[in-house]
PDB file of N, CA and C in Angstrom:
ATOM      1  N   MET A   1      -6.306  12.968   5.954  1.00  0.00           N
ATOM      2  CA  MET A   1      -5.995  11.565   5.314  1.00  0.00           C
ATOM      3  C   MET A   1      -7.843  11.060   5.555  1.00  0.00           C
ATOM      4  N   TRP A   2      -8.380  10.088   5.030  1.00  0.00           N
ATOM      5  CA  TRP A   2      -9.322   9.406   5.396  1.00  0.00           C
ATOM      6  C   TRP A   2      -8.813   8.310   6.417  1.00  0.00           C
ATOM      7  N   LYS A   3      -8.954   8.349   7.421  1.00  0.00           N
ATOM      8  CA  LYS A   3      -9.046   7.138   8.585  1.00  0.00           C
ATOM      9  C   LYS A   3      -9.807   5.525   8.985  1.00  0.00           C
ATOM     10  N   ILE A   4      -9.722   4.808   8.502  1.00  0.00           N
ATOM     11  CA  ILE A   4     -10.538   3.405   8.031  1.00  0.00           C
ATOM     12  C   ILE A   4     -10.210   3.137   9.445  1.00  0.00           C
ATOM     13  N   GLN A   5     -11.297   2.554  10.563  1.00  0.00           N
ATOM     14  CA  GLN A   5     -11.398   1.997  11.457  1.00  0.00           C
ATOM     15  C   GLN A   5     -11.815   0.097  11.620  1.00  0.00           C
ATOM     16  N   ASP A   6     -12.386  -0.187  10.600  1.00  0.00           N
ATOM     17  CA  ASP A   6     -12.573  -1.889  11.254  1.00  0.00           C
ATOM     18  C   ASP A   6     -12.665  -1.866   9.702  1.00  0.00           C
ATOM     19  N   VAL A   7     -11.125  -2.664   8.628  1.00  0.00           N
ATOM     20  CA  VAL A   7     -11.418  -3.020   7.644  1.00  0.00           C
ATOM     21  C   VAL A   7     -10.752  -4.500   7.660  1.00  0.00           C
ATOM     22  N   ASN A   8     -10.827  -5.648   6.639  1.00  0.00           N
ATOM     23  CA  ASN A   8     -10.481  -6.533   6.477  1.00  0.00           C
ATOM     24  C   ASN A   8      -8.494  -6.413   5.778  1.00  0.00           C
ATOM     25  N   LYS A   9      -7.982  -6.531   4.929  1.00  0.00           N
ATOM     26  CA  LYS A   9      -6.142  -6.321   4.484  1.00  0.00           C
ATOM     27  C   LYS A   9      -6.985  -5.602   3.473  1.00  0.00           C
ATOM     28  N   ARG A  10      -7.406  -7.454   2.691  1.00  0.00           N
ATOM     29  CA  ARG A  10      -8.031  -6.701   0.541  1.00  0.00           C
ATOM     30  C   ARG A  10      -8.831  -5.587   0.756  1.00  0.00           C
ATOM     31  N   MET A  11      -9.725  -5.406   1.433  1.00  0.00           N
ATOM     32  CA  MET A  11     -11.274  -4.476   1.612  1.00  0.00           C
ATOM     33  C   MET A  11      -9.920  -3.315   1.812  1.00  0.00           C
ATOM     34  N   GLY A  12      -9.125  -3.085   2.560  1.00  0.00           N
ATOM     35  CA  GLY A  12      -8.231  -1.956   3.022  1.00  0.00           C
ATOM     36  C   GLY A  12      -7.297  -1.423   1.502  1.00  0.00           C
ATOM     37  N   ARG A  13      -7.238  -2.454   0.962  1.00  0.00           N
ATOM     38  CA  ARG A  13      -6.030  -2.358  -0.754  1.00  0.00           C
ATOM     39  C   ARG A  13      -7.298  -1.866  -1.673  1.00  0.00           C
ATOM     40  N   PHE A  14      -8.275  -2.425  -1.937  1.00  0.00           N
ATOM     41  CA  PHE A  14      -9.048  -1.694  -2.384  1.00  0.00           C
ATOM     42  C   PHE A  14      -9.507  -0.639  -2.147  1.00  0.00           C
ATOM     43  N   ILE A  15      -9.588   0.101  -1.099  1.00  0.00           N
ATOM     44  CA  ILE A  15     -10.048   1.431  -1.253  1.00  0.00           C
ATOM     45  C   ILE A  15      -9.103   2.234  -0.852  1.00  0.00           C
ATOM     46  N   MET A  16      -7.242   1.666  -0.958  1.00  0.00           N
ATOM     47  CA  MET A  16      -6.272   2.374  -0.935  1.00  0.00           C
ATOM     48  C   MET A  16      -5.797   2.832  -2.714  1.00  0.00           C
ATOM     49  N   ASN A  17      -6.427   1.787  -3.617  1.00  0.00           N
ATOM     50  CA  ASN A  17      -6.088   2.237  -4.705  1.00  0.00           C
ATOM     51  C   ASN A  17      -7.134   2.757  -5.565  1.00  0.00           C
ATOM     52  N   GLY A  18      -8.354   2.882  -5.210  1.00  0.00           N
ATOM     53  CA  GLY A  18      -8.887   3.235  -5.519  1.00  0.00           C
ATOM     54  C   GLY A  18      -9.014   5.348  -5.202  1.00  0.00           C
ATOM     55  N   LEU A  19      -8.669   5.447  -3.999  1.00  0.00           N
ATOM     56  CA  LEU A  19      -7.763   6.676  -3.255  1.00  0.00           C
ATOM     57  C   LEU A  19      -7.012   7.114  -4.581  1.00  0.00           C
ATOM     58  N   LEU A  20      -5.645   5.894  -5.017  1.00  0.00           N
ATOM     59  CA  LEU A  20      -4.760   6.947  -5.742  1.00  0.00           C
ATOM     60  C   LEU A  20      -5.614   6.695  -6.594  1.00  0.00           C
ATOM     61  N   LEU A  21      -6.053   5.461  -7.342  1.00  0.00           N
ATOM     62  CA  LEU A  21      -6.638   5.575  -8.348  1.00  0.00           C
ATOM     63  C   LEU A  21      -7.004   7.751  -8.716  1.00  0.00           C
ATOM     64  N   SER A  22      -8.057   7.662  -8.095  1.00  0.00           N
ATOM     65  CA  SER A  22      -9.527   8.692  -7.743  1.00  0.00           C
ATOM     66  C   SER A  22      -8.120  10.449  -7.862  1.00  0.00           C
ATOM     67  N   ALA A  23      -6.957  10.129  -7.806  1.00  0.00           N
ATOM     68  CA  ALA A  23      -5.568  11.416  -6.732  1.00  0.00           C
ATOM     69  C   ALA A  23      -4.884  11.591  -8.365  1.00  0.00           C
ATOM     70  N   GLY A  24      -5.158  10.758  -9.193  1.00  0.00           N
ATOM     71  CA  GLY A  24      -4.423  10.362 -10.612  1.00  0.00           C
ATOM     72  C   GLY A  24      -3.266   9.704 -10.230  1.00  0.00           C
ATOM     73  N   TYR A  25      -2.587   9.294  -9.655  1.00  0.00           N
ATOM     74  CA  TYR A  25      -1.766   7.922  -9.246  1.00  0.00           C
ATOM     75  C   TYR A  25      -2.204   6.140  -9.076  1.00  0.00           C
ATOM     76  N   PRO A  26      -0.805   5.609  -9.793  1.00  0.00           N
ATOM     77  CA  PRO A  26      -0.917   4.034  -9.980  1.00  0.00           C
ATOM     78  C   PRO A  26      -1.732   3.390  -9.108  1.00  0.00           C
ATOM     79  N   VAL A  27      -2.051   2.216  -9.242  1.00  0.00           N
ATOM     80  CA  VAL A  27      -2.338   1.233  -8.461  1.00  0.00           C
ATOM     81  C   VAL A  27      -0.962   0.692  -7.610  1.00  0.00           C
ATOM     82  N   ILE A  28      -1.352  -0.146  -6.366  1.00  0.00           N
ATOM     83  CA  ILE A  28      -0.247  -0.790  -5.996  1.00  0.00           C
ATOM     84  C   ILE A  28      -0.346  -2.094  -5.750  1.00  0.00           C
ATOM     85  N   ASN A  29       0.360  -2.485  -6.714  1.00  0.00           N
ATOM     86  CA  ASN A  29       0.461  -4.543  -7.056  1.00  0.00           C
ATOM     87  C   ASN A  29       0.789  -5.711  -5.832  1.00  0.00           C
ATOM     88  N   LEU A  30       0.116  -5.470  -4.685  1.00  0.00           N
ATOM     89  CA  LEU A  30       1.042  -6.643  -4.146  1.00  0.00           C
ATOM     90  C   LEU A  30       1.091  -7.854  -4.256  1.00  0.00           C
ATOM     91  N   PRO A  31       2.019  -7.853  -5.073  1.00  0.00           N
ATOM     92  CA  PRO A  31       2.912  -9.517  -5.086  1.00  0.00           C
ATOM     93  C   PRO A  31       2.815 -10.729  -4.248  1.00  0.00           C
ATOM     94  N   ALA A  32       1.576 -11.847  -4.357  1.00  0.00           N
ATOM     95  CA  ALA A  32       1.616 -13.506  -3.974  1.00  0.00           C
ATOM     96  C   ALA A  32       3.077 -13.518  -2.653  1.00  0.00           C
ATOM     97  N   LYS A  33       4.233 -13.487  -3.325  1.00  0.00           N
ATOM     98  CA  LYS A  33       5.558 -13.784  -3.203  1.00  0.00           C
ATOM     99  C   LYS A  33       5.963 -13.175  -1.145  1.00  0.00           C
ATOM    100  N   ARG A  34       5.269 -11.941  -1.470  1.00  0.00           N
ATOM    101  CA  ARG A  34       5.470 -11.196  -0.253  1.00  0.00           C
ATOM    102  C   ARG A  34       4.245 -10.757   0.962  1.00  0.00           C
ATOM    103  N   GLN A  35       3.660 -11.605   0.612  1.00  0.00           N
ATOM    104  CA  GLN A  35       2.232 -11.799   1.351  1.00  0.00           C
ATOM    105  C   GLN A  35       2.953 -11.481   2.748  1.00  0.00           C
ATOM    106  N   LEU A  36       3.364 -12.501   3.603  1.00  0.00           N
ATOM    107  CA  LEU A  36       3.959 -12.605   4.899  1.00  0.00           C
ATOM    108  C   LEU A  36       4.557 -11.621   4.860  1.00  0.00           C
ATOM    109  N   GLU A  37       5.267 -10.762   4.580  1.00  0.00           N
ATOM    110  CA  GLU A  37       6.192  -9.824   4.760  1.00  0.00           C
ATOM    111  C   GLU A  37       4.564  -8.612   5.063  1.00  0.00           C
ATOM    112  N   PHE A  38       3.676  -8.374   4.328  1.00  0.00           N
ATOM    113  CA  PHE A  38       3.287  -7.476   3.657  1.00  0.00           C
ATOM    114  C   PHE A  38       2.325  -7.629   5.638  1.00  0.00           C
ATOM    115  N   ASN A  39       2.063  -9.227   5.602  1.00  0.00           N
ATOM    116  CA  ASN A  39       1.451  -9.172   7.080  1.00  0.00           C
ATOM    117  C   ASN A  39       2.030  -9.078   8.246  1.00  0.00           C
ATOM    118  N   GLN A  40       3.509  -9.398   8.248  1.00  0.00           N
ATOM    119  CA  GLN A  40       4.527  -8.909   8.790  1.00  0.00           C
ATOM    120  C   GLN A  40       4.047  -6.641   9.588  1.00  0.00           C
ATOM    121  N   LEU A  41       4.535  -6.185   8.444  1.00  0.00           N
ATOM    122  CA  LEU A  41       4.545  -4.976   8.677  1.00  0.00           C
ATOM    123  C   LEU A  41       2.828  -4.580   8.685  1.00  0.00           C
ATOM    124  N   MET A  42       1.697  -5.499   8.658  1.00  0.00           N
ATOM    125  CA  MET A  42       0.449  -4.956   9.459  1.00  0.00           C
ATOM    126  C   MET A  42       0.174  -4.794  10.459  1.00  0.00           C
ATOM    127  N   LEU A  43       0.159  -6.004  11.392  1.00  0.00           N
ATOM    128  CA  LEU A  43       0.993  -6.048  12.695  1.00  0.00           C
ATOM    129  C   LEU A  43       1.881  -5.175  13.262  1.00  0.00           C
ATOM    130  N   ALA A  44       2.752  -5.181  13.039  1.00  0.00           N
ATOM    131  CA  ALA A  44       3.276  -4.076  13.597  1.00  0.00           C
ATOM    132  C   ALA A  44       3.183  -2.518  13.673  1.00  0.00           C
ATOM    133  N   PHE A  45       2.295  -2.781  12.535  1.00  0.00           N
ATOM    134  CA  PHE A  45       1.379  -0.780  12.569  1.00  0.00           C
ATOM    135  C   PHE A  45       0.585  -1.135  13.371  1.00  0.00           C
ATOM    136  N   TYR A  46      -0.740  -1.955  13.375  1.00  0.00           N
ATOM    137  CA  TYR A  46      -1.710  -1.856  14.308  1.00  0.00           C
ATOM    138  C   TYR A  46      -1.251  -1.510  15.981  1.00  0.00           C
ATOM    139  N   GLU A  47       0.128  -2.151  16.112  1.00  0.00           N
ATOM    140  CA  GLU A  47       0.961  -2.092  17.283  1.00  0.00           C
ATOM    141  C   GLU A  47       0.776  -0.932  17.804  1.00  0.00           C
ATOM    142  N   SER A  48       2.109  -0.168  16.502  1.00  0.00           N
ATOM    143  CA  SER A  48       3.022   0.704  16.607  1.00  0.00           C
ATOM    144  C   SER A  48       2.060   1.716  16.583  1.00  0.00           C
ATOM    145  N   GLY A  49       1.600   1.909  15.052  1.00  0.00           N
ATOM    146  CA  GLY A  49       0.596   3.264  14.832  1.00  0.00           C
ATOM    147  C   GLY A  49       1.774   3.637  13.964  1.00  0.00           C
ATOM    148  N   ASP A  50       2.594   3.494  13.872  1.00  0.00           N
ATOM    149  CA  ASP A  50       3.620   4.092  12.706  1.00  0.00           C
ATOM    150  C   ASP A  50       3.630   3.557  11.240  1.00  0.00           C
ATOM    151  N   GLN A  51       3.496   4.778  10.204  1.00  0.00           N
ATOM    152  CA  GLN A  51       3.702   4.241   9.109  1.00  0.00           C
ATOM    153  C   GLN A  51       4.069   4.516   8.753  1.00  0.00           C
ATOM    154  N   LYS A  52       5.262   4.875   8.615  1.00  0.00           N
ATOM    155  CA  LYS A  52       6.805   4.723   8.089  1.00  0.00           C
ATOM    156  C   LYS A  52       7.039   3.169   6.911  1.00  0.00           C
ATOM    157  N   PRO A  53       7.532   2.294   8.234  1.00  0.00           N
ATOM    158  CA  PRO A  53       7.893   0.834   7.001  1.00  0.00           C
ATOM    159  C   PRO A  53       6.507   0.353   6.447  1.00  0.00           C
ATOM    160  N   MET A  54       5.301   0.697   6.706  1.00  0.00           N
ATOM    161  CA  MET A  54       3.962   0.636   5.490  1.00  0.00           C
ATOM    162  C   MET A  54       4.730   1.624   4.231  1.00  0.00           C
ATOM    163  N   ASN A  55       4.371   2.808   4.712  1.00  0.00           N
ATOM    164  CA  ASN A  55       4.230   3.724   3.422  1.00  0.00           C
ATOM    165  C   ASN A  55       5.913   2.692   1.796  1.00  0.00           C
ATOM    166  N   THR A  56       7.214   2.225   2.862  1.00  0.00           N
ATOM    167  CA  THR A  56       8.548   2.018   2.482  1.00  0.00           C
ATOM    168  C   THR A  56       8.106   1.145   1.347  1.00  0.00           C
ATOM    169  N   PHE A  57       7.552   0.235   2.291  1.00  0.00           N
ATOM    170  CA  PHE A  57       7.018  -1.075   1.548  1.00  0.00           C
ATOM    171  C   PHE A  57       6.086  -0.953   0.714  1.00  0.00           C
ATOM    172  N   LEU A  58       5.251  -0.087   0.424  1.00  0.00           N
ATOM    173  CA  LEU A  58       4.334  -0.389  -0.815  1.00  0.00           C
ATOM    174  C   LEU A  58       4.763   0.546  -1.724  1.00  0.00           C
ATOM    175  N   ARG A  59       5.558   1.171  -1.599  1.00  0.00           N
ATOM    176  CA  ARG A  59       6.336   2.091  -2.646  1.00  0.00           C
ATOM    177  C   ARG A  59       7.443   1.425  -2.958  1.00  0.00           C
ATOM    178  N   SER A  60       7.837   0.065  -1.992  1.00  0.00           N
ATOM    179  CA  SER A  60       8.679  -0.560  -3.077  1.00  0.00           C
ATOM    180  C   SER A  60       8.051  -1.683  -3.503  1.00  0.00           C
ATOM    181  N   CYS A  61       6.840  -2.026  -3.894  1.00  0.00           N
ATOM    182  CA  CYS A  61       6.142  -2.770  -4.523  1.00  0.00           C
ATOM    183  C   CYS A  61       5.628  -2.174  -6.254  1.00  0.00           C
ATOM    184  N   LEU A  62       5.836  -1.017  -5.873  1.00  0.00           N
ATOM    185  CA  LEU A  62       5.250  -0.097  -7.136  1.00  0.00           C
ATOM    186  C   LEU A  62       6.584  -0.582  -8.085  1.00  0.00           C
ATOM    187  N   ASP A  63       5.457  -0.938  -9.802  1.00  0.00           N
ATOM    188  CA  ASP A  63       6.403  -1.729 -10.744  1.00  0.00           C
ATOM    189  C   ASP A  63       6.960  -0.023 -11.553  1.00  0.00           C
ATOM    190  N   GLU A  64       8.357  -0.750 -11.220  1.00  0.00           N
ATOM    191  CA  GLU A  64       9.622   0.202 -12.182  1.00  0.00           C
ATOM    192  C   GLU A  64       9.205   1.083 -12.971  1.00  0.00           C
ATOM    193  N   ARG A  65       8.272   0.486 -14.097  1.00  0.00           N
ATOM    194  CA  ARG A  65       7.961   0.765 -15.208  1.00  0.00           C
ATOM    195  C   ARG A  65       6.926   2.761 -15.010  1.00  0.00           C
ATOM    196  N   ILE A  66       5.888   1.678 -14.150  1.00  0.00           N
ATOM    197  CA  ILE A  66       5.074   3.212 -13.715  1.00  0.00           C
ATOM    198  C   ILE A  66       6.166   4.581 -13.467  1.00  0.00           C
ATOM    199  N   ILE A  67       7.078   4.208 -12.819  1.00  0.00           N
ATOM    200  CA  ILE A  67       7.752   4.634 -11.252  1.00  0.00           C
ATOM    201  C   ILE A  67       8.472   5.663 -12.895  1.00  0.00           C
ATOM    202  N   LYS A  68       9.478   5.274 -13.598  1.00  0.00           N
ATOM    203  CA  LYS A  68       9.303   6.014 -15.184  1.00  0.00           C
ATOM    204  C   LYS A  68       8.334   6.745 -15.826  1.00  0.00           C
ATOM    205  N   ILE A  69       7.376   6.154 -16.199  1.00  0.00           N
ATOM    206  CA  ILE A  69       6.373   7.070 -16.841  1.00  0.00           C
ATOM    207  C   ILE A  69       6.148   8.436 -16.318  1.00  0.00           C
ATOM    208  N   MET A  70       6.131   8.060 -14.980  1.00  0.00           N
ATOM    209  CA  MET A  70       5.707   9.400 -13.966  1.00  0.00           C
ATOM    210  C   MET A  70       6.398  10.727 -13.638  1.00  0.00           C
ATOM    211  N   LYS A  71       7.641   9.587 -13.758  1.00  0.00           N
ATOM    212  CA  LYS A  71       8.887  10.799 -13.845  1.00  0.00           C
ATOM    213  C   LYS A  71       9.028  11.745 -15.102  1.00  0.00           C
ATOM    214  N   ALA A  72       8.664  11.537 -16.067  1.00  0.00           N
ATOM    215  CA  ALA A  72       8.945  12.052 -17.711  1.00  0.00           C
ATOM    216  C   ALA A  72       8.725  12.824 -17.673  1.00  0.00           C
TER     217      ALA A  72
END
Protein backbone atom coordinates (compact mmCIF):
# COMPACT_ATOMS: atom_id res chain seq x y z
CA MET A 1 0.00 0.00 0.00
CA TRP A 2 1.15 3.50 -0.81
CA LYS A 3 1.84 5.38 2.43
CA ILE A 4 1.44 9.14 2.42
CA GLN A 5 3.18 10.90 5.28
CA ASP A 6 2.04 14.52 5.14
CA VAL A 7 -1.21 15.51 3.47
CA ASN A 8 -4.25 17.39 4.65
CA LYS A 9 -7.53 15.51 5.05
CA ARG A 10 -9.12 16.86 1.87
CA MET A 11 -6.15 15.88 -0.27
CA GLY A 12 -5.99 12.52 1.49
CA ARG A 13 -9.62 11.80 0.56
CA PHE A 14 -8.93 12.95 -3.00
CA ILE A 15 -5.98 10.55 -3.30
CA MET A 16 -7.94 7.73 -1.62
CA ASN A 17 -10.80 8.10 -4.10
CA GLY A 18 -8.36 8.26 -7.02
CA LEU A 19 -6.81 4.98 -5.90
CA LEU A 20 -10.24 3.41 -5.46
CA LEU A 21 -11.36 4.50 -8.93
CA SER A 22 -8.16 3.30 -10.57
CA ALA A 23 -8.73 -0.14 -9.00
CA GLY A 24 -12.34 -0.27 -10.25
CA TYR A 25 -14.06 0.61 -6.97
CA PRO A 26 -16.53 3.46 -6.34
CA VAL A 27 -15.55 6.64 -4.56
CA ILE A 28 -16.42 7.14 -0.90
CA ASN A 29 -18.40 10.30 -0.20
CA LEU A 30 -18.03 11.74 3.28
CA PRO A 31 -21.37 13.29 4.30
CA ALA A 32 -21.03 16.75 5.84
CA LYS A 33 -23.09 15.65 8.85
CA ARG A 34 -20.41 13.02 9.66
CA GLN A 35 -17.41 15.38 9.39
CA LEU A 36 -16.90 15.58 13.17
CA GLU A 37 -16.92 11.79 13.45
CA PHE A 38 -14.36 11.61 10.62
CA ASN A 39 -12.11 14.18 12.31
CA GLN A 40 -12.23 12.35 15.63
CA LEU A 41 -11.39 9.03 13.99
CA MET A 42 -8.51 10.61 12.07
CA LEU A 43 -7.04 12.01 15.30
CA ALA A 44 -7.35 8.59 16.93
CA PHE A 45 -5.70 6.99 13.89
CA TYR A 46 -2.79 9.47 13.98
CA GLU A 47 -2.22 8.65 17.64
CA SER A 48 -2.65 4.86 17.54
CA GLY A 49 -1.96 3.82 13.95
CA ASP A 50 -4.97 1.47 14.19
CA GLN A 51 -6.70 1.52 10.78
CA LYS A 52 -9.71 -0.63 11.68
CA PRO A 53 -12.04 2.08 13.13
CA MET A 54 -11.36 4.40 10.17
CA ASN A 55 -11.86 1.57 7.66
CA THR A 56 -15.17 0.64 9.30
CA PHE A 57 -16.28 4.27 9.23
CA LEU A 58 -15.35 4.79 5.58
CA ARG A 59 -17.14 1.61 4.55
CA SER A 60 -20.24 2.88 6.35
CA CYS A 61 -20.14 5.95 4.09
CA LEU A 62 -20.56 3.86 0.94
CA ASP A 63 -23.89 4.33 -0.80
CA GLU A 64 -26.06 1.22 -0.27
CA ARG A 65 -27.19 1.34 -3.91
CA ILE A 66 -23.60 1.00 -5.07
CA ILE A 67 -22.98 -1.91 -2.71
CA LYS A 68 -26.02 -3.72 -4.17
CA ILE A 69 -24.74 -3.15 -7.71
CA MET A 70 -21.27 -4.43 -6.79
CA LYS A 71 -22.73 -7.59 -5.25
CA ALA A 72 -24.89 -8.34 -8.31
